[in-house]
Amino acid sequence: MKYGGRTDKNQDEIVSHLRNRGALVLITSSFGNGFPDLIVAVNGNVCFVEVKTKTGKLRSSQVKWFYENTQISRGVARGIDDADKIYELLSKESPFIFTFGLTLD
């Protein structure tokens, strides 16, 4: 089991932006083993978010994690625009499950 994954260079910017908008953000990038980098909560809704650069690709362990956890909201944030979209989805009043910015072919 691998612990302590690498942190993408845009993670701090995304975390700061989400927190400034009022989201609770837990940084989980050190968990490794395919676990997403962030847990983001807004209005009682939660999303597991993998942070990638504009050209970054999911590793096989990350793809596996996303495939195995379809019962939760999950997504990929490549910048502030993606973070804003995830925030807006989480801001809805009714709890629901969504997948954002993720292609699992």
Protein backbone atom coordinates (compact mmCIF):
# COMPACT_ATOMS: atom_id res chain seq x y z
CA MET A 1 0.00 0.00 0.00
CA LYS A 2 1.42 3.38 -1.03
CA TYR A 3 1.07 6.38 1.23
CA GLY A 4 1.93 10.00 0.60
CA GLY A 5 1.11 10.83 -2.98
CA ARG A 6 2.48 13.77 -4.93
CA THR A 7 0.73 17.16 -4.72
CA ASP A 8 -0.13 18.89 -7.99
CA LYS A 9 1.16 22.45 -8.25
CA ASN A 10 -2.34 23.96 -8.55
CA GLN A 11 -3.75 22.28 -5.42
CA ASP A 12 -3.05 25.18 -3.03
CA GLU A 13 -4.78 27.64 -5.37
CA ILE A 14 -7.85 25.38 -5.71
CA VAL A 15 -8.04 24.78 -1.94
CA SER A 16 -7.74 28.51 -1.15
CA HIS A 17 -10.37 29.40 -3.72
CA LEU A 18 -12.87 26.84 -2.42
CA ARG A 19 -12.30 27.88 1.19
CA ASN A 20 -12.74 31.56 0.27
CA ARG A 21 -16.11 30.65 -1.23
CA GLY A 22 -17.11 28.99 2.07
CA ALA A 23 -16.40 25.32 1.40
CA LEU A 24 -14.97 22.99 4.01
CA VAL A 25 -11.92 21.41 2.36
CA LEU A 26 -9.97 18.50 3.79
CA ILE A 27 -6.62 17.80 2.13
CA THR A 28 -6.20 14.05 1.72
CA SER A 29 -3.44 13.94 -0.90
CA SER A 30 -1.13 12.18 1.57
CA PHE A 31 -3.46 9.15 1.80
CA GLY A 32 -2.12 7.67 -1.46
CA ASN A 33 -3.38 4.38 -2.90
CA GLY A 34 -5.63 6.17 -5.42
CA PHE A 35 -7.60 8.13 -2.81
CA PRO A 36 -8.61 11.61 -4.08
CA ASP A 37 -6.64 14.70 -3.04
CA LEU A 38 -9.52 16.61 -1.44
CA ILE A 39 -12.82 16.11 0.32
CA VAL A 40 -14.98 19.17 -0.28
CA ALA A 41 -18.21 19.90 1.61
CA VAL A 42 -20.76 22.63 0.91
CA ASN A 43 -24.29 22.87 2.29
CA GLY A 44 -24.09 19.32 3.68
CA ASN A 45 -23.12 17.84 0.30
CA VAL A 46 -19.72 16.19 -0.13
CA CYS A 47 -17.50 15.53 -3.15
CA PHE A 48 -14.22 13.63 -3.39
CA VAL A 49 -11.95 15.63 -5.72
CA GLU A 50 -8.79 14.62 -7.54
CA VAL A 51 -6.62 17.64 -8.42
CA LYS A 52 -4.81 17.51 -11.74
CA THR A 53 -2.99 20.03 -13.87
CA LYS A 54 -4.49 20.94 -17.25
CA THR A 55 -2.61 18.05 -18.89
CA GLY A 56 -2.39 15.66 -15.92
CA LYS A 57 -3.80 12.16 -16.27
CA LEU A 58 -5.33 9.90 -13.65
CA ARG A 59 -3.09 7.03 -12.53
CA SER A 60 -4.52 3.51 -12.70
CA SER A 61 -5.02 3.44 -8.91
CA GLN A 62 -7.05 6.67 -9.14
CA VAL A 63 -9.21 5.35 -11.98
CA LYS A 64 -9.81 2.19 -9.95
CA TRP A 65 -10.86 4.23 -6.90
CA PHE A 66 -13.34 6.28 -8.99
CA TYR A 67 -14.78 3.11 -10.57
CA GLU A 68 -15.22 1.42 -7.19
CA ASN A 69 -16.89 4.40 -5.50
CA THR A 70 -19.83 5.25 -7.73
CA GLN A 71 -22.21 5.83 -4.82
CA ILE A 72 -20.56 9.16 -3.91
CA SER A 73 -20.01 12.47 -5.69
CA ARG A 74 -16.56 12.59 -7.21
CA GLY A 75 -14.68 14.69 -9.71
CA VAL A 76 -11.48 16.10 -11.13
CA ALA A 77 -10.49 19.75 -10.72
CA ARG A 78 -7.91 21.10 -13.15
CA GLY A 79 -8.21 24.73 -12.09
CA ILE A 80 -10.38 27.45 -10.58
CA ASP A 81 -13.14 27.06 -13.20
CA ASP A 82 -13.58 23.38 -12.32
CA ALA A 83 -13.48 24.19 -8.59
CA ASP A 84 -16.25 26.77 -9.13
CA LYS A 85 -18.40 24.23 -11.01
CA ILE A 86 -17.96 21.65 -8.26
CA TYR A 87 -18.80 24.30 -5.63
CA GLU A 88 -21.97 25.25 -7.51
CA LEU A 89 -23.06 21.61 -7.77
CA LEU A 90 -22.47 21.12 -4.05
CA SER A 91 -24.40 24.32 -3.22
CA LYS A 92 -27.71 22.86 -4.35
CA GLU A 93 -30.20 22.32 -1.55
CA SER A 94 -31.01 18.67 -2.18
CA PRO A 95 -28.33 16.04 -1.70
CA PHE A 96 -27.47 14.13 -4.86
CA ILE A 97 -24.60 12.24 -6.47
CA PHE A 98 -22.64 13.59 -9.42
CA THR A 99 -19.51 12.93 -11.41
CA PHE A 100 -17.62 15.95 -12.74
CA GLY A 101 -14.76 16.23 -15.20
CA LEU A 102 -14.14 12.52 -15.30
CA THR A 103 -14.10 10.15 -18.23
CA LEU A 104 -13.83 6.52 -17.24
CA ASP A 105 -13.39 4.70 -20.55
